N, C-alpha and C. Protein backbone atom coordinates (compact mmCIF):
# COMPACT_ATOMS: atom_id res chain seq x y z
N MET A 1 0.85 -1.16 0.00
CA MET A 1 0.00 0.00 0.00
C MET A 1 0.90 1.23 0.00
N TYR A 2 0.61 2.20 -0.83
CA TYR A 2 1.40 3.42 -0.95
C TYR A 2 0.91 4.47 0.05
N LEU A 3 1.78 5.42 0.35
CA LEU A 3 1.44 6.52 1.26
C LEU A 3 0.24 7.31 0.73
N SER A 4 0.19 7.49 -0.59
CA SER A 4 -0.93 8.25 -1.17
C SER A 4 -2.26 7.55 -0.95
N ASP A 5 -2.25 6.24 -0.76
CA ASP A 5 -3.48 5.51 -0.47
C ASP A 5 -3.92 5.71 0.98
N ARG A 6 -2.95 6.00 1.87
CA ARG A 6 -3.26 6.12 3.29
C ARG A 6 -3.61 7.55 3.69
N ILE A 7 -3.30 8.55 2.88
CA ILE A 7 -3.52 9.95 3.25
C ILE A 7 -5.00 10.24 3.53
N PRO A 8 -5.94 9.79 2.67
CA PRO A 8 -7.34 10.07 3.00
C PRO A 8 -7.76 9.47 4.34
N LYS A 9 -7.29 8.26 4.66
CA LYS A 9 -7.61 7.64 5.94
C LYS A 9 -6.96 8.40 7.08
N LEU A 10 -5.75 8.90 6.89
CA LEU A 10 -5.04 9.67 7.90
C LEU A 10 -5.76 11.00 8.16
N ILE A 11 -6.21 11.66 7.10
CA ILE A 11 -6.95 12.92 7.25
C ILE A 11 -8.28 12.65 7.97
N THR A 12 -8.97 11.60 7.59
CA THR A 12 -10.24 11.26 8.24
C THR A 12 -10.03 10.99 9.72
N ALA A 13 -9.00 10.24 10.06
CA ALA A 13 -8.72 9.92 11.45
C ALA A 13 -8.35 11.18 12.23
N THR A 14 -7.58 12.08 11.62
CA THR A 14 -7.18 13.32 12.29
C THR A 14 -8.40 14.20 12.55
N VAL A 15 -9.25 14.35 11.57
CA VAL A 15 -10.47 15.16 11.73
C VAL A 15 -11.37 14.53 12.80
N ALA A 16 -11.54 13.23 12.77
CA ALA A 16 -12.38 12.55 13.76
C ALA A 16 -11.83 12.75 15.16
N PHE A 17 -10.51 12.67 15.31
CA PHE A 17 -9.87 12.89 16.61
C PHE A 17 -10.10 14.32 17.08
N ALA A 18 -9.94 15.30 16.19
CA ALA A 18 -10.13 16.71 16.54
C ALA A 18 -11.56 16.98 16.97
N VAL A 19 -12.53 16.42 16.25
CA VAL A 19 -13.94 16.61 16.60
C VAL A 19 -14.23 15.96 17.95
N ALA A 20 -13.73 14.76 18.16
CA ALA A 20 -13.96 14.06 19.43
C ALA A 20 -13.34 14.83 20.59
N ALA A 21 -12.15 15.38 20.40
CA ALA A 21 -11.50 16.17 21.45
C ALA A 21 -12.31 17.42 21.75
N GLY A 22 -12.81 18.06 20.71
CA GLY A 22 -13.63 19.26 20.90
C GLY A 22 -14.91 18.95 21.64
N LEU A 23 -15.57 17.85 21.30
CA LEU A 23 -16.80 17.47 21.98
C LEU A 23 -16.53 17.08 23.43
N ALA A 24 -15.40 16.44 23.67
CA ALA A 24 -15.07 16.05 25.04
C ALA A 24 -14.80 17.27 25.90
N ALA A 25 -14.20 18.31 25.34
CA ALA A 25 -13.87 19.52 26.11
C ALA A 25 -15.05 20.46 26.25
N SER A 26 -16.01 20.43 25.34
CA SER A 26 -17.10 21.41 25.36
C SER A 26 -17.98 21.34 26.61
N PRO A 27 -18.28 20.16 27.18
CA PRO A 27 -19.07 20.19 28.42
C PRO A 27 -18.35 20.91 29.55
N LEU A 28 -17.03 20.83 29.57
CA LEU A 28 -16.28 21.54 30.61
C LEU A 28 -16.43 23.05 30.44
N ALA A 29 -16.31 23.53 29.22
CA ALA A 29 -16.47 24.96 28.96
C ALA A 29 -17.90 25.38 29.23
N LEU A 30 -18.87 24.57 28.83
CA LEU A 30 -20.27 24.89 29.05
C LEU A 30 -20.59 24.91 30.54
N ALA A 31 -20.06 23.94 31.27
CA ALA A 31 -20.32 23.90 32.71
C ALA A 31 -19.76 25.13 33.40
N GLN A 32 -18.61 25.58 32.96
CA GLN A 32 -18.01 26.77 33.56
C GLN A 32 -18.86 27.99 33.24
N GLU A 33 -19.38 28.11 32.03
CA GLU A 33 -20.18 29.27 31.64
C GLU A 33 -21.58 29.20 32.23
N GLN A 34 -22.09 27.99 32.45
CA GLN A 34 -23.46 27.81 32.89
C GLN A 34 -23.72 28.43 34.26
N LYS A 35 -22.86 28.22 35.20
CA LYS A 35 -23.15 28.62 36.58
C LYS A 35 -21.95 29.33 37.16
N GLU A 36 -22.09 30.60 37.34
CA GLU A 36 -21.05 31.38 37.99
C GLU A 36 -21.69 32.22 39.07
N SER A 37 -20.98 32.40 40.14
CA SER A 37 -21.47 33.32 41.15
C SER A 37 -20.28 34.06 41.73
N GLY A 38 -20.55 35.24 42.12
CA GLY A 38 -19.48 36.07 42.69
C GLY A 38 -19.93 36.58 44.03
N GLY A 39 -19.06 37.33 44.63
CA GLY A 39 -19.37 37.88 45.93
C GLY A 39 -20.18 39.15 45.82
N GLU A 40 -20.23 39.86 46.91
CA GLU A 40 -20.94 41.13 46.98
C GLU A 40 -20.29 42.12 46.02
N LYS A 41 -21.11 42.85 45.27
CA LYS A 41 -20.61 43.79 44.27
C LYS A 41 -21.53 44.98 44.19
N GLU A 42 -20.97 46.14 43.90
CA GLU A 42 -21.75 47.33 43.61
C GLU A 42 -21.73 47.56 42.11
N LEU A 43 -22.90 47.82 41.54
CA LEU A 43 -23.04 48.13 40.13
C LEU A 43 -23.69 49.50 40.00
N THR A 44 -23.12 50.35 39.19
CA THR A 44 -23.71 51.64 38.89
C THR A 44 -24.11 51.62 37.43
N GLY A 45 -25.37 51.91 37.17
CA GLY A 45 -25.85 51.90 35.80
C GLY A 45 -27.28 52.35 35.72
N GLU A 46 -27.85 52.21 34.53
CA GLU A 46 -29.21 52.67 34.27
C GLU A 46 -30.22 51.57 34.57
N ILE A 47 -31.29 51.94 35.27
CA ILE A 47 -32.39 51.02 35.54
C ILE A 47 -33.24 50.91 34.27
N VAL A 48 -33.50 49.68 33.83
CA VAL A 48 -34.26 49.43 32.60
C VAL A 48 -35.31 48.36 32.85
N ASP A 49 -36.36 48.40 32.02
CA ASP A 49 -37.25 47.24 32.01
C ASP A 49 -36.62 46.27 30.99
N MET A 50 -36.41 45.06 31.43
CA MET A 50 -35.67 44.09 30.64
C MET A 50 -36.39 43.69 29.36
N MET A 51 -37.72 43.73 29.34
CA MET A 51 -38.44 43.33 28.13
C MET A 51 -38.07 44.24 26.97
N CYS A 52 -38.18 45.54 27.17
CA CYS A 52 -37.88 46.49 26.08
C CYS A 52 -36.39 46.58 25.80
N TYR A 53 -35.58 46.45 26.86
CA TYR A 53 -34.13 46.52 26.66
C TYR A 53 -33.66 45.37 25.78
N VAL A 54 -34.09 44.15 26.10
CA VAL A 54 -33.65 42.99 25.34
C VAL A 54 -34.25 43.01 23.93
N ASP A 55 -35.52 43.40 23.82
CA ASP A 55 -36.20 43.38 22.53
C ASP A 55 -35.67 44.44 21.57
N HIS A 56 -35.52 45.69 22.05
CA HIS A 56 -35.10 46.74 21.12
C HIS A 56 -34.16 47.79 21.76
N SER A 57 -33.34 47.35 22.70
CA SER A 57 -32.30 48.18 23.32
C SER A 57 -32.83 49.49 23.90
N ALA A 58 -34.08 49.50 24.37
CA ALA A 58 -34.69 50.73 24.89
C ALA A 58 -34.05 51.14 26.20
N MET A 59 -33.54 52.38 26.21
CA MET A 59 -32.89 52.96 27.39
C MET A 59 -33.05 54.47 27.34
N GLY A 60 -32.63 55.11 28.39
CA GLY A 60 -32.52 56.55 28.41
C GLY A 60 -33.80 57.28 28.76
N ALA A 61 -33.70 58.60 28.77
CA ALA A 61 -34.81 59.46 29.17
C ALA A 61 -36.02 59.27 28.27
N LYS A 62 -35.80 59.01 26.97
CA LYS A 62 -36.92 58.85 26.04
C LYS A 62 -37.76 57.61 26.38
N HIS A 63 -37.16 56.64 27.05
CA HIS A 63 -37.87 55.41 27.37
C HIS A 63 -38.25 55.33 28.85
N ALA A 64 -37.91 56.32 29.65
CA ALA A 64 -38.11 56.25 31.10
C ALA A 64 -39.58 56.04 31.47
N GLY A 65 -40.50 56.76 30.84
CA GLY A 65 -41.92 56.61 31.16
C GLY A 65 -42.45 55.23 30.85
N CYS A 66 -42.10 54.73 29.69
CA CYS A 66 -42.52 53.38 29.29
C CYS A 66 -41.88 52.35 30.22
N GLY A 67 -40.58 52.53 30.51
CA GLY A 67 -39.88 51.61 31.40
C GLY A 67 -40.52 51.56 32.78
N GLU A 68 -40.86 52.73 33.30
CA GLU A 68 -41.51 52.78 34.62
C GLU A 68 -42.83 52.02 34.60
N LYS A 69 -43.62 52.23 33.55
CA LYS A 69 -44.93 51.57 33.44
C LYS A 69 -44.75 50.05 33.36
N CYS A 70 -43.81 49.60 32.53
CA CYS A 70 -43.59 48.15 32.38
C CYS A 70 -43.12 47.52 33.69
N ILE A 71 -42.21 48.21 34.39
CA ILE A 71 -41.71 47.67 35.66
C ILE A 71 -42.83 47.65 36.70
N LYS A 72 -43.63 48.73 36.78
CA LYS A 72 -44.75 48.76 37.73
C LYS A 72 -45.74 47.64 37.46
N ASN A 73 -45.91 47.28 36.19
CA ASN A 73 -46.86 46.22 35.83
C ASN A 73 -46.27 44.82 35.95
N GLY A 74 -45.09 44.71 36.55
CA GLY A 74 -44.52 43.39 36.83
C GLY A 74 -43.48 42.90 35.86
N GLY A 75 -43.10 43.72 34.88
CA GLY A 75 -42.04 43.32 33.95
C GLY A 75 -40.71 43.20 34.69
N PRO A 76 -39.83 42.35 34.22
CA PRO A 76 -38.54 42.19 34.89
C PRO A 76 -37.73 43.47 34.83
N VAL A 77 -37.08 43.79 35.94
CA VAL A 77 -36.29 45.00 36.04
C VAL A 77 -34.81 44.63 35.99
N GLY A 78 -34.01 45.50 35.37
CA GLY A 78 -32.59 45.25 35.27
C GLY A 78 -31.79 46.52 35.44
N ILE A 79 -30.49 46.34 35.45
CA ILE A 79 -29.55 47.45 35.47
C ILE A 79 -28.53 47.19 34.36
N VAL A 80 -28.23 48.22 33.58
CA VAL A 80 -27.20 48.11 32.55
C VAL A 80 -26.00 48.88 33.06
N SER A 81 -24.92 48.15 33.27
CA SER A 81 -23.69 48.72 33.82
C SER A 81 -22.52 48.31 32.93
N ASP A 82 -21.78 49.30 32.46
CA ASP A 82 -20.62 49.04 31.59
C ASP A 82 -20.98 48.16 30.40
N GLY A 83 -22.16 48.40 29.82
CA GLY A 83 -22.57 47.69 28.62
C GLY A 83 -23.12 46.30 28.84
N LYS A 84 -23.25 45.87 30.09
CA LYS A 84 -23.79 44.54 30.38
C LYS A 84 -25.07 44.69 31.20
N ALA A 85 -26.08 43.91 30.84
CA ALA A 85 -27.37 43.94 31.54
C ALA A 85 -27.44 42.86 32.60
N TYR A 86 -28.01 43.21 33.73
CA TYR A 86 -28.19 42.29 34.85
C TYR A 86 -29.66 42.32 35.28
N LEU A 87 -30.26 41.17 35.45
CA LEU A 87 -31.57 41.07 36.05
C LEU A 87 -31.39 41.44 37.52
N VAL A 88 -32.33 42.19 38.10
CA VAL A 88 -32.21 42.63 39.49
C VAL A 88 -33.36 42.06 40.31
N VAL A 89 -33.02 41.40 41.42
CA VAL A 89 -34.02 40.92 42.37
C VAL A 89 -33.56 41.26 43.77
N GLY A 90 -34.52 41.44 44.66
CA GLY A 90 -34.21 41.70 46.05
C GLY A 90 -33.92 40.39 46.77
N ALA A 91 -34.24 40.35 48.04
CA ALA A 91 -34.03 39.14 48.84
C ALA A 91 -35.10 38.12 48.46
N HIS A 92 -34.92 37.47 47.33
CA HIS A 92 -35.84 36.46 46.78
C HIS A 92 -37.22 37.02 46.52
N LYS A 93 -37.25 38.28 46.10
CA LYS A 93 -38.51 38.91 45.72
C LYS A 93 -38.21 40.03 44.74
N PRO A 94 -39.19 40.39 43.94
CA PRO A 94 -38.98 41.49 42.98
C PRO A 94 -38.74 42.82 43.70
N MET A 95 -38.06 43.72 43.00
CA MET A 95 -37.83 45.08 43.52
C MET A 95 -38.56 46.10 42.65
N ASN A 96 -39.58 45.66 41.95
CA ASN A 96 -40.27 46.52 40.99
C ASN A 96 -40.80 47.80 41.61
N ASP A 97 -41.43 47.71 42.78
CA ASP A 97 -42.01 48.92 43.39
C ASP A 97 -40.94 49.95 43.72
N GLU A 98 -39.78 49.49 44.19
CA GLU A 98 -38.69 50.41 44.55
C GLU A 98 -38.00 51.00 43.32
N LEU A 99 -37.85 50.19 42.26
CA LEU A 99 -37.04 50.61 41.12
C LEU A 99 -37.83 51.24 39.98
N ALA A 100 -39.14 51.02 39.91
CA ALA A 100 -39.93 51.58 38.81
C ALA A 100 -39.76 53.09 38.67
N PRO A 101 -39.83 53.87 39.77
CA PRO A 101 -39.68 55.32 39.61
C PRO A 101 -38.28 55.74 39.17
N LEU A 102 -37.33 54.81 39.21
CA LEU A 102 -35.94 55.12 38.84
C LEU A 102 -35.60 54.69 37.41
N ALA A 103 -36.60 54.22 36.66
CA ALA A 103 -36.35 53.79 35.27
C ALA A 103 -35.73 54.94 34.48
N GLY A 104 -34.69 54.61 33.75
CA GLY A 104 -34.00 55.61 32.94
C GLY A 104 -32.97 56.42 33.70
N GLN A 105 -32.86 56.20 35.00
CA GLN A 105 -31.90 56.96 35.82
C GLN A 105 -30.69 56.10 36.16
N THR A 106 -29.60 56.77 36.48
CA THR A 106 -28.39 56.08 36.92
C THR A 106 -28.46 55.88 38.42
N VAL A 107 -28.27 54.63 38.84
CA VAL A 107 -28.42 54.23 40.24
C VAL A 107 -27.27 53.29 40.58
N THR A 108 -26.90 53.25 41.85
CA THR A 108 -25.93 52.26 42.33
C THR A 108 -26.67 51.24 43.18
N LEU A 109 -26.48 49.97 42.82
CA LEU A 109 -27.07 48.86 43.57
C LEU A 109 -25.95 47.99 44.08
N LYS A 110 -26.17 47.34 45.22
CA LYS A 110 -25.21 46.33 45.68
C LYS A 110 -25.96 45.04 45.91
N GLY A 111 -25.26 43.95 45.68
CA GLY A 111 -25.86 42.63 45.85
C GLY A 111 -24.87 41.56 45.43
N LYS A 112 -25.35 40.35 45.33
CA LYS A 112 -24.51 39.21 44.95
C LYS A 112 -24.69 38.92 43.47
N LEU A 113 -23.58 38.81 42.75
CA LEU A 113 -23.63 38.49 41.33
C LEU A 113 -23.79 36.99 41.14
N ALA A 114 -24.64 36.63 40.19
CA ALA A 114 -24.81 35.23 39.81
C ALA A 114 -25.13 35.19 38.33
N SER A 115 -24.80 34.08 37.67
CA SER A 115 -25.18 33.89 36.28
C SER A 115 -25.36 32.42 36.01
N ASN A 116 -26.24 32.14 35.06
CA ASN A 116 -26.50 30.76 34.68
C ASN A 116 -27.07 30.78 33.27
N GLY A 117 -26.49 30.00 32.38
CA GLY A 117 -26.99 29.91 31.02
C GLY A 117 -26.91 31.21 30.25
N GLY A 118 -25.99 32.06 30.61
CA GLY A 118 -25.82 33.33 29.91
C GLY A 118 -26.65 34.47 30.49
N VAL A 119 -27.45 34.20 31.52
CA VAL A 119 -28.24 35.25 32.16
C VAL A 119 -27.51 35.71 33.42
N ALA A 120 -27.24 37.02 33.49
CA ALA A 120 -26.56 37.59 34.65
C ALA A 120 -27.60 38.21 35.57
N MET A 121 -27.35 38.10 36.89
CA MET A 121 -28.31 38.60 37.86
C MET A 121 -27.58 39.21 39.05
N LEU A 122 -28.15 40.27 39.58
CA LEU A 122 -27.73 40.84 40.85
C LEU A 122 -28.85 40.49 41.83
N GLU A 123 -28.56 39.59 42.75
CA GLU A 123 -29.58 39.14 43.69
C GLU A 123 -29.35 39.72 45.08
N ASN A 124 -30.39 39.69 45.89
CA ASN A 124 -30.35 40.33 47.21
C ASN A 124 -29.92 41.78 47.07
N ALA A 125 -30.37 42.42 46.02
CA ALA A 125 -29.95 43.78 45.70
C ALA A 125 -30.56 44.80 46.65
N GLU A 126 -29.79 45.84 46.86
CA GLU A 126 -30.22 46.99 47.67
C GLU A 126 -29.77 48.24 46.96
N ILE A 127 -30.55 49.30 47.10
CA ILE A 127 -30.15 50.59 46.54
C ILE A 127 -29.12 51.21 47.47
N VAL A 128 -28.01 51.65 46.90
CA VAL A 128 -26.96 52.30 47.69
C VAL A 128 -27.29 53.80 47.74
N LYS A 129 -27.46 54.30 48.95
CA LYS A 129 -27.75 55.73 49.14
C LYS A 129 -26.43 56.47 49.13
N LYS A 130 -26.33 57.48 48.29
CA LYS A 130 -25.08 58.25 48.20
C LYS A 130 -25.26 59.60 48.80
């Protein structure tokens, strides 16, 4: 058998090995990205209603009235800090009543950072009085 006869089999084996190695490593990377938690952190950013923010990047003074209404009506509330959005919850309860009037404003919150499946959250959040 000549080397030229074995090259297709060698290429196939190399590709199969590379794919298998990638599949074997991907659960490790996925597991690391799936569940992360951090300690106590302060975030300063704009309070947004997450529905409009995720759907059409709605932020700022032009969206403050709509954001306040959506948050008051039970829509998920978030904070956008340094270009990243975080879902905000209090001590295992929504903070909608406290944060709705602050929609579109810059606020500092402190709480515990957590993320799972690409969703970032600030839990046990409190408004930092300055």
